Amino acid sequence: MLHSSEIHSISKASEYLSGWQRAQADLDNYRRRVHQEQHQQNAQVKRRLIYDLMPLIDNFRAITIHLPADLKDNVWAQGVLHVARQLEQLLHQYEVVPINESGQPFNPILHEAVATVKDDAVSSGSVVEVMQTGYRIGDQVIRPAKVKVAK
């Protein structure tokens, strides 16, 4: 038979163990929450940086598309095109996906309608033309595509 002092000691030990286990669980939860918050903050910083780079990305895409034929062999122009390719590779590395497909149904999450046009070649509510490419990372839209939509 246990004495009251032994029972008290066992009770205290059990109480301390329970307190330690709660503190350990609280610490684990804190670490998990901090890790999740850091991940979310890093993702937000990445989205913000990509958003801030959008004008630069748009300009390099325009240069690539509208480079005059007589400059195709120019060394300086080739350097600019190389920088544009590096920028595209960086976007791919950061899993940035362009939103620039015509013929798709208009989606207000992915698209911003800037005009409606009559076009019998596509069904009503479809994207006729992408005026400005949009971008997303995963399911997060960085910038919606500006589009013309069929009436």
N, C-alpha and C. Protein backbone atom coordinates (compact mmCIF):
# COMPACT_ATOMS: atom_id res chain seq x y z
N MET A 1 0.83 -1.17 0.00
CA MET A 1 0.00 0.00 0.00
C MET A 1 0.88 1.25 0.00
N LEU A 2 0.46 2.23 -0.79
CA LEU A 2 1.25 3.45 -0.93
C LEU A 2 0.88 4.45 0.16
N HIS A 3 1.90 5.14 0.61
CA HIS A 3 1.69 6.19 1.60
C HIS A 3 1.20 7.45 0.89
N SER A 4 0.61 8.33 1.65
CA SER A 4 0.08 9.56 1.08
C SER A 4 1.18 10.41 0.45
N SER A 5 2.39 10.38 1.00
CA SER A 5 3.50 11.14 0.41
C SER A 5 3.90 10.56 -0.94
N GLU A 6 3.85 9.22 -1.08
CA GLU A 6 4.17 8.59 -2.35
C GLU A 6 3.09 8.90 -3.39
N ILE A 7 1.84 8.84 -2.94
CA ILE A 7 0.72 9.15 -3.83
C ILE A 7 0.82 10.61 -4.30
N HIS A 8 1.16 11.48 -3.38
CA HIS A 8 1.33 12.89 -3.70
C HIS A 8 2.48 13.07 -4.70
N SER A 9 3.59 12.36 -4.50
CA SER A 9 4.74 12.44 -5.41
C SER A 9 4.37 11.93 -6.80
N ILE A 10 3.66 10.82 -6.86
CA ILE A 10 3.24 10.27 -8.16
C ILE A 10 2.27 11.24 -8.84
N SER A 11 1.37 11.80 -8.07
CA SER A 11 0.42 12.77 -8.61
C SER A 11 1.15 13.99 -9.17
N LYS A 12 2.13 14.49 -8.41
CA LYS A 12 2.92 15.64 -8.87
C LYS A 12 3.70 15.30 -10.13
N ALA A 13 4.31 14.11 -10.16
CA ALA A 13 5.08 13.68 -11.33
C ALA A 13 4.17 13.61 -12.55
N SER A 14 2.98 13.07 -12.38
CA SER A 14 2.02 12.97 -13.47
C SER A 14 1.59 14.37 -13.93
N GLU A 15 1.39 15.25 -12.98
CA GLU A 15 1.03 16.63 -13.29
C GLU A 15 2.14 17.32 -14.08
N TYR A 16 3.38 17.14 -13.65
CA TYR A 16 4.53 17.74 -14.34
C TYR A 16 4.68 17.16 -15.75
N LEU A 17 4.48 15.84 -15.87
CA LEU A 17 4.57 15.20 -17.18
C LEU A 17 3.50 15.76 -18.12
N SER A 18 2.28 15.90 -17.62
CA SER A 18 1.20 16.45 -18.44
C SER A 18 1.51 17.89 -18.85
N GLY A 19 2.03 18.68 -17.92
CA GLY A 19 2.40 20.05 -18.23
C GLY A 19 3.50 20.11 -19.27
N TRP A 20 4.49 19.24 -19.14
CA TRP A 20 5.59 19.20 -20.10
C TRP A 20 5.07 18.80 -21.48
N GLN A 21 4.16 17.79 -21.51
CA GLN A 21 3.61 17.34 -22.79
C GLN A 21 2.80 18.45 -23.46
N ARG A 22 2.03 19.20 -22.67
CA ARG A 22 1.27 20.33 -23.23
C ARG A 22 2.22 21.40 -23.76
N ALA A 23 3.28 21.68 -23.00
CA ALA A 23 4.26 22.69 -23.45
C ALA A 23 4.95 22.23 -24.73
N GLN A 24 5.27 20.94 -24.81
CA GLN A 24 5.91 20.39 -26.01
C GLN A 24 4.96 20.50 -27.20
N ALA A 25 3.69 20.18 -27.00
CA ALA A 25 2.70 20.29 -28.07
C ALA A 25 2.53 21.75 -28.50
N ASP A 26 2.50 22.66 -27.52
CA ASP A 26 2.41 24.09 -27.85
C ASP A 26 3.60 24.54 -28.67
N LEU A 27 4.80 24.08 -28.30
CA LEU A 27 6.01 24.43 -29.04
C LEU A 27 5.96 23.88 -30.46
N ASP A 28 5.52 22.63 -30.61
CA ASP A 28 5.40 22.04 -31.95
C ASP A 28 4.39 22.82 -32.79
N ASN A 29 3.26 23.18 -32.20
CA ASN A 29 2.25 23.97 -32.92
C ASN A 29 2.80 25.34 -33.30
N TYR A 30 3.55 25.96 -32.41
CA TYR A 30 4.16 27.26 -32.68
C TYR A 30 5.13 27.15 -33.85
N ARG A 31 5.99 26.14 -33.82
CA ARG A 31 6.96 25.95 -34.91
C ARG A 31 6.25 25.74 -36.24
N ARG A 32 5.20 24.92 -36.22
CA ARG A 32 4.44 24.65 -37.44
C ARG A 32 3.79 25.93 -37.97
N ARG A 33 3.21 26.72 -37.05
CA ARG A 33 2.55 27.98 -37.44
C ARG A 33 3.56 28.97 -38.01
N VAL A 34 4.73 29.09 -37.37
CA VAL A 34 5.77 30.00 -37.86
C VAL A 34 6.25 29.56 -39.23
N HIS A 35 6.44 28.26 -39.41
CA HIS A 35 6.89 27.74 -40.72
C HIS A 35 5.85 28.06 -41.80
N GLN A 36 4.57 27.85 -41.47
CA GLN A 36 3.50 28.14 -42.42
C GLN A 36 3.44 29.64 -42.74
N GLU A 37 3.57 30.48 -41.72
CA GLU A 37 3.55 31.93 -41.94
C GLU A 37 4.73 32.38 -42.79
N GLN A 38 5.91 31.79 -42.57
CA GLN A 38 7.08 32.13 -43.38
C GLN A 38 6.86 31.72 -44.83
N HIS A 39 6.29 30.53 -45.02
CA HIS A 39 6.01 30.05 -46.37
C HIS A 39 5.03 30.99 -47.08
N GLN A 40 3.97 31.39 -46.37
CA GLN A 40 2.99 32.30 -46.96
C GLN A 40 3.61 33.67 -47.25
N GLN A 41 4.46 34.14 -46.35
CA GLN A 41 5.11 35.43 -46.55
C GLN A 41 6.06 35.37 -47.75
N ASN A 42 6.81 34.28 -47.88
CA ASN A 42 7.71 34.12 -49.03
C ASN A 42 6.92 34.08 -50.33
N ALA A 43 5.80 33.38 -50.33
CA ALA A 43 4.96 33.31 -51.53
C ALA A 43 4.41 34.69 -51.88
N GLN A 44 4.02 35.46 -50.88
CA GLN A 44 3.51 36.81 -51.10
C GLN A 44 4.60 37.72 -51.68
N VAL A 45 5.80 37.62 -51.14
CA VAL A 45 6.93 38.42 -51.65
C VAL A 45 7.22 38.04 -53.10
N LYS A 46 7.19 36.74 -53.40
CA LYS A 46 7.43 36.28 -54.77
C LYS A 46 6.36 36.82 -55.72
N ARG A 47 5.09 36.74 -55.31
CA ARG A 47 4.01 37.27 -56.16
C ARG A 47 4.17 38.77 -56.37
N ARG A 48 4.53 39.49 -55.32
CA ARG A 48 4.69 40.94 -55.42
C ARG A 48 5.85 41.30 -56.36
N LEU A 49 6.96 40.57 -56.25
CA LEU A 49 8.11 40.82 -57.12
C LEU A 49 7.74 40.55 -58.58
N ILE A 50 7.08 39.43 -58.83
CA ILE A 50 6.67 39.11 -60.20
C ILE A 50 5.72 40.19 -60.72
N TYR A 51 4.78 40.63 -59.88
CA TYR A 51 3.85 41.68 -60.29
C TYR A 51 4.60 42.96 -60.64
N ASP A 52 5.58 43.32 -59.83
CA ASP A 52 6.35 44.54 -60.09
C ASP A 52 7.19 44.42 -61.37
N LEU A 53 7.53 43.20 -61.76
CA LEU A 53 8.31 42.98 -62.98
C LEU A 53 7.44 42.92 -64.24
N MET A 54 6.13 42.94 -64.09
CA MET A 54 5.24 42.81 -65.25
C MET A 54 5.51 43.80 -66.38
N PRO A 55 5.70 45.09 -66.11
CA PRO A 55 6.00 46.00 -67.22
C PRO A 55 7.28 45.60 -67.97
N LEU A 56 8.29 45.18 -67.24
CA LEU A 56 9.54 44.74 -67.87
C LEU A 56 9.29 43.50 -68.72
N ILE A 57 8.55 42.55 -68.18
CA ILE A 57 8.22 41.33 -68.92
C ILE A 57 7.45 41.67 -70.19
N ASP A 58 6.44 42.54 -70.06
CA ASP A 58 5.65 42.95 -71.23
C ASP A 58 6.53 43.60 -72.30
N ASN A 59 7.43 44.47 -71.88
CA ASN A 59 8.30 45.16 -72.83
C ASN A 59 9.25 44.20 -73.54
N PHE A 60 9.81 43.25 -72.82
CA PHE A 60 10.69 42.27 -73.47
C PHE A 60 9.91 41.39 -74.43
N ARG A 61 8.67 41.04 -74.08
CA ARG A 61 7.85 40.25 -75.01
C ARG A 61 7.55 41.06 -76.27
N ALA A 62 7.27 42.35 -76.10
CA ALA A 62 6.99 43.21 -77.26
C ALA A 62 8.23 43.32 -78.15
N ILE A 63 9.40 43.47 -77.53
CA ILE A 63 10.65 43.54 -78.31
C ILE A 63 10.83 42.26 -79.10
N THR A 64 10.59 41.12 -78.46
CA THR A 64 10.76 39.83 -79.12
C THR A 64 9.82 39.69 -80.31
N ILE A 65 8.58 40.13 -80.14
CA ILE A 65 7.58 39.99 -81.20
C ILE A 65 7.80 40.98 -82.33
N HIS A 66 8.18 42.20 -82.00
CA HIS A 66 8.22 43.27 -83.00
C HIS A 66 9.63 43.63 -83.47
N LEU A 67 10.59 42.77 -83.24
CA LEU A 67 11.96 43.05 -83.70
C LEU A 67 11.97 43.10 -85.24
N PRO A 68 12.41 44.21 -85.82
CA PRO A 68 12.45 44.30 -87.29
C PRO A 68 13.35 43.22 -87.89
N ALA A 69 12.96 42.74 -89.05
CA ALA A 69 13.70 41.67 -89.71
C ALA A 69 15.14 42.06 -89.99
N ASP A 70 15.39 43.34 -90.31
CA ASP A 70 16.76 43.75 -90.63
C ASP A 70 17.66 43.78 -89.39
N LEU A 71 17.10 43.65 -88.19
CA LEU A 71 17.91 43.62 -86.96
C LEU A 71 18.09 42.20 -86.40
N LYS A 72 17.52 41.21 -87.06
CA LYS A 72 17.58 39.84 -86.54
C LYS A 72 19.02 39.35 -86.35
N ASP A 73 19.94 39.79 -87.20
CA ASP A 73 21.34 39.36 -87.10
C ASP A 73 22.22 40.35 -86.35
N ASN A 74 21.66 41.44 -85.90
CA ASN A 74 22.41 42.45 -85.16
C ASN A 74 22.84 41.88 -83.81
N VAL A 75 24.12 42.05 -83.47
CA VAL A 75 24.66 41.51 -82.22
C VAL A 75 23.97 42.12 -81.01
N TRP A 76 23.74 43.41 -81.03
CA TRP A 76 23.08 44.06 -79.91
C TRP A 76 21.66 43.52 -79.74
N ALA A 77 20.93 43.39 -80.84
CA ALA A 77 19.57 42.86 -80.79
C ALA A 77 19.57 41.42 -80.29
N GLN A 78 20.56 40.65 -80.71
CA GLN A 78 20.68 39.26 -80.22
C GLN A 78 20.89 39.24 -78.71
N GLY A 79 21.66 40.20 -78.20
CA GLY A 79 21.87 40.31 -76.75
C GLY A 79 20.57 40.60 -76.02
N VAL A 80 19.77 41.51 -76.58
CA VAL A 80 18.48 41.84 -75.98
C VAL A 80 17.56 40.62 -75.99
N LEU A 81 17.55 39.89 -77.10
CA LEU A 81 16.73 38.68 -77.19
C LEU A 81 17.20 37.62 -76.19
N HIS A 82 18.51 37.56 -75.98
CA HIS A 82 19.06 36.61 -74.99
C HIS A 82 18.57 36.97 -73.59
N VAL A 83 18.57 38.25 -73.26
CA VAL A 83 18.07 38.69 -71.95
C VAL A 83 16.58 38.34 -71.82
N ALA A 84 15.83 38.51 -72.90
CA ALA A 84 14.40 38.17 -72.88
C ALA A 84 14.21 36.67 -72.62
N ARG A 85 15.04 35.83 -73.25
CA ARG A 85 14.96 34.38 -73.01
C ARG A 85 15.31 34.04 -71.56
N GLN A 86 16.32 34.73 -71.02
CA GLN A 86 16.68 34.50 -69.61
C GLN A 86 15.52 34.87 -68.69
N LEU A 87 14.85 35.95 -68.99
CA LEU A 87 13.69 36.37 -68.20
C LEU A 87 12.58 35.33 -68.28
N GLU A 88 12.34 34.79 -69.47
CA GLU A 88 11.33 33.74 -69.65
C GLU A 88 11.71 32.49 -68.85
N GLN A 89 12.99 32.13 -68.86
CA GLN A 89 13.45 30.97 -68.09
C GLN A 89 13.26 31.20 -66.60
N LEU A 90 13.51 32.42 -66.14
CA LEU A 90 13.33 32.75 -64.73
C LEU A 90 11.85 32.63 -64.34
N LEU A 91 10.97 33.11 -65.20
CA LEU A 91 9.54 32.98 -64.94
C LEU A 91 9.14 31.50 -64.86
N HIS A 92 9.67 30.70 -65.76
CA HIS A 92 9.39 29.26 -65.74
C HIS A 92 9.91 28.63 -64.45
N GLN A 93 11.10 29.04 -64.04
CA GLN A 93 11.71 28.52 -62.81
C GLN A 93 10.84 28.83 -61.59
N TYR A 94 10.21 30.00 -61.59
CA TYR A 94 9.34 30.40 -60.49
C TYR A 94 7.89 29.95 -60.70
N GLU A 95 7.69 29.08 -61.71
CA GLU A 95 6.38 28.49 -62.01
C GLU A 95 5.32 29.54 -62.35
N VAL A 96 5.77 30.61 -63.00
CA VAL A 96 4.85 31.64 -63.47
C VAL A 96 4.31 31.20 -64.83
N VAL A 97 2.99 31.12 -64.92
CA VAL A 97 2.33 30.63 -66.13
C VAL A 97 1.58 31.79 -66.78
N PRO A 98 1.81 32.01 -68.09
CA PRO A 98 1.08 33.09 -68.76
C PRO A 98 -0.39 32.70 -68.97
N ILE A 99 -1.24 33.71 -68.95
CA ILE A 99 -2.67 33.54 -69.27
C ILE A 99 -2.86 34.31 -70.57
N ASN A 100 -2.85 33.59 -71.70
CA ASN A 100 -2.89 34.28 -72.99
C ASN A 100 -3.55 33.45 -74.10
N GLU A 101 -4.55 32.67 -73.76
CA GLU A 101 -5.17 31.80 -74.75
C GLU A 101 -6.47 32.39 -75.27
N SER A 102 -6.53 32.62 -76.56
CA SER A 102 -7.77 33.05 -77.21
C SER A 102 -8.64 31.82 -77.42
N GLY A 103 -9.94 32.05 -77.57
CA GLY A 103 -10.86 30.95 -77.85
C GLY A 103 -11.39 30.26 -76.61
N GLN A 104 -10.85 30.58 -75.45
CA GLN A 104 -11.31 29.98 -74.20
C GLN A 104 -12.55 30.73 -73.69
N PRO A 105 -13.38 30.07 -72.90
CA PRO A 105 -14.50 30.79 -72.29
C PRO A 105 -13.97 31.87 -71.35
N PHE A 106 -14.65 33.01 -71.33
CA PHE A 106 -14.26 34.10 -70.43
C PHE A 106 -14.39 33.62 -68.99
N ASN A 107 -13.35 33.85 -68.20
CA ASN A 107 -13.34 33.48 -66.79
C ASN A 107 -12.96 34.74 -66.01
N PRO A 108 -13.87 35.30 -65.21
CA PRO A 108 -13.57 36.56 -64.52
C PRO A 108 -12.42 36.47 -63.53
N ILE A 109 -12.04 35.27 -63.15
CA ILE A 109 -10.88 35.11 -62.26
C ILE A 109 -9.59 35.28 -63.05
N LEU A 110 -9.58 34.77 -64.29
CA LEU A 110 -8.37 34.81 -65.12
C LEU A 110 -8.33 35.98 -66.09
N HIS A 111 -9.50 36.53 -66.41
CA HIS A 111 -9.58 37.55 -67.46
C HIS A 111 -10.23 38.83 -66.95
N GLU A 112 -9.80 39.92 -67.56
CA GLU A 112 -10.45 41.22 -67.36
C GLU A 112 -10.93 41.67 -68.74
N ALA A 113 -12.24 41.78 -68.91
CA ALA A 113 -12.80 42.18 -70.20
C ALA A 113 -12.58 43.67 -70.40
N VAL A 114 -11.90 44.02 -71.49
CA VAL A 114 -11.68 45.44 -71.80
C VAL A 114 -12.55 45.88 -72.98
N ALA A 115 -13.13 44.89 -73.69
CA ALA A 115 -14.01 45.21 -74.81
C ALA A 115 -14.84 43.98 -75.15
N THR A 116 -16.01 44.24 -75.74
CA THR A 116 -16.81 43.15 -76.30
C THR A 116 -16.92 43.41 -77.80
N VAL A 117 -16.82 42.35 -78.57
CA VAL A 117 -16.86 42.48 -80.03
C VAL A 117 -17.79 41.43 -80.61
N LYS A 118 -18.36 41.76 -81.76
CA LYS A 118 -19.19 40.80 -82.49
C LYS A 118 -18.25 39.91 -83.28
N ASP A 119 -18.32 38.60 -83.04
CA ASP A 119 -17.46 37.65 -83.76
C ASP A 119 -18.23 36.34 -83.89
N ASP A 120 -18.67 36.06 -85.13
CA ASP A 120 -19.45 34.85 -85.37
C ASP A 120 -18.58 33.60 -85.40
N ALA A 121 -17.26 33.76 -85.44
CA ALA A 121 -16.36 32.61 -85.51
C ALA A 121 -16.24 31.89 -84.17
N VAL A 122 -16.57 32.57 -83.08
CA VAL A 122 -16.48 31.95 -81.75
C VAL A 122 -17.80 32.13 -81.02
N SER A 123 -18.03 31.31 -80.04
CA SER A 123 -19.28 31.39 -79.28
C SER A 123 -19.28 32.61 -78.37
N SER A 124 -20.46 33.08 -78.07
CA SER A 124 -20.62 34.23 -77.19
C SER A 124 -19.99 33.92 -75.83
N GLY A 125 -19.29 34.91 -75.30
CA GLY A 125 -18.64 34.73 -74.00
C GLY A 125 -17.26 34.14 -74.08
N SER A 126 -16.75 33.95 -75.29
CA SER A 126 -15.40 33.42 -75.47
C SER A 126 -14.40 34.56 -75.64
N VAL A 127 -13.17 34.30 -75.27
CA VAL A 127 -12.10 35.27 -75.46
C VAL A 127 -11.74 35.31 -76.93
N VAL A 128 -11.86 36.49 -77.53
CA VAL A 128 -11.55 36.67 -78.95
C VAL A 128 -10.08 37.02 -79.13
N GLU A 129 -9.60 37.92 -78.27
CA GLU A 129 -8.21 38.39 -78.40
C GLU A 129 -7.67 38.75 -77.01
N VAL A 130 -6.42 38.40 -76.79
CA VAL A 130 -5.75 38.78 -75.54
C VAL A 130 -5.00 40.08 -75.82
N MET A 131 -5.39 41.14 -75.14
CA MET A 131 -4.76 42.44 -75.34
C MET A 131 -3.50 42.57 -74.49
N GLN A 132 -3.51 41.99 -73.31
CA GLN A 132 -2.34 42.01 -72.42
C GLN A 132 -2.31 40.67 -71.70
N THR A 133 -1.18 40.00 -71.79
CA THR A 133 -1.02 38.70 -71.14
C THR A 133 -1.16 38.83 -69.63
N GLY A 134 -1.86 37.87 -69.06
CA GLY A 134 -1.96 37.78 -67.60
C GLY A 134 -1.01 36.70 -67.11
N TYR A 135 -0.85 36.60 -65.80
CA TYR A 135 0.07 35.61 -65.24
C TYR A 135 -0.51 35.04 -63.95
N ARG A 136 -0.14 33.79 -63.70
CA ARG A 136 -0.54 33.15 -62.45
C ARG A 136 0.59 32.26 -61.96
N ILE A 137 0.57 31.99 -60.67
CA ILE A 137 1.46 31.01 -60.06
C ILE A 137 0.54 30.02 -59.37
N GLY A 138 0.50 28.80 -59.88
CA GLY A 138 -0.45 27.82 -59.35
C GLY A 138 -1.85 28.33 -59.60
N ASP A 139 -2.67 28.39 -58.56
CA ASP A 139 -4.03 28.90 -58.73
C ASP A 139 -4.15 30.37 -58.32
N GLN A 140 -3.02 31.01 -58.02
CA GLN A 140 -3.01 32.42 -57.63
C GLN A 140 -2.77 33.29 -58.87
N VAL A 141 -3.73 34.12 -59.21
CA VAL A 141 -3.58 35.02 -60.35
C VAL A 141 -2.78 36.23 -59.90
N ILE A 142 -1.66 36.47 -60.61
CA ILE A 142 -0.82 37.63 -60.31
C ILE A 142 -1.43 38.87 -60.98
N ARG A 143 -1.79 38.68 -62.26
CA ARG A 143 -2.45 39.74 -63.02
C ARG A 143 -3.37 39.06 -64.03
N PRO A 144 -4.65 39.44 -64.06
CA PRO A 144 -5.54 38.82 -65.05
C PRO A 144 -5.20 39.31 -66.45
N ALA A 145 -5.49 38.47 -67.43
CA ALA A 145 -5.28 38.85 -68.83
C ALA A 145 -6.36 39.85 -69.24
N LYS A 146 -5.96 40.90 -69.95
CA LYS A 146 -6.92 41.86 -70.49
C LYS A 146 -7.34 41.34 -71.86
N VAL A 147 -8.65 41.15 -72.03
CA VAL A 147 -9.14 40.45 -73.22
C VAL A 147 -10.34 41.15 -73.85
N LYS A 148 -10.52 40.83 -75.14
CA LYS A 148 -11.75 41.17 -75.85
C LYS A 148 -12.62 39.92 -75.82
N VAL A 149 -13.91 40.11 -75.54
CA VAL A 149 -14.83 38.99 -75.40
C VAL A 149 -15.90 39.07 -76.47
N ALA A 150 -16.26 37.91 -77.04
CA ALA A 150 -17.31 37.85 -78.06
C ALA A 150 -18.68 38.10 -77.43
N LYS A 151 -19.51 38.90 -78.15
CA LYS A 151 -20.89 39.17 -77.69
C LYS A 151 -21.75 37.96 -77.94
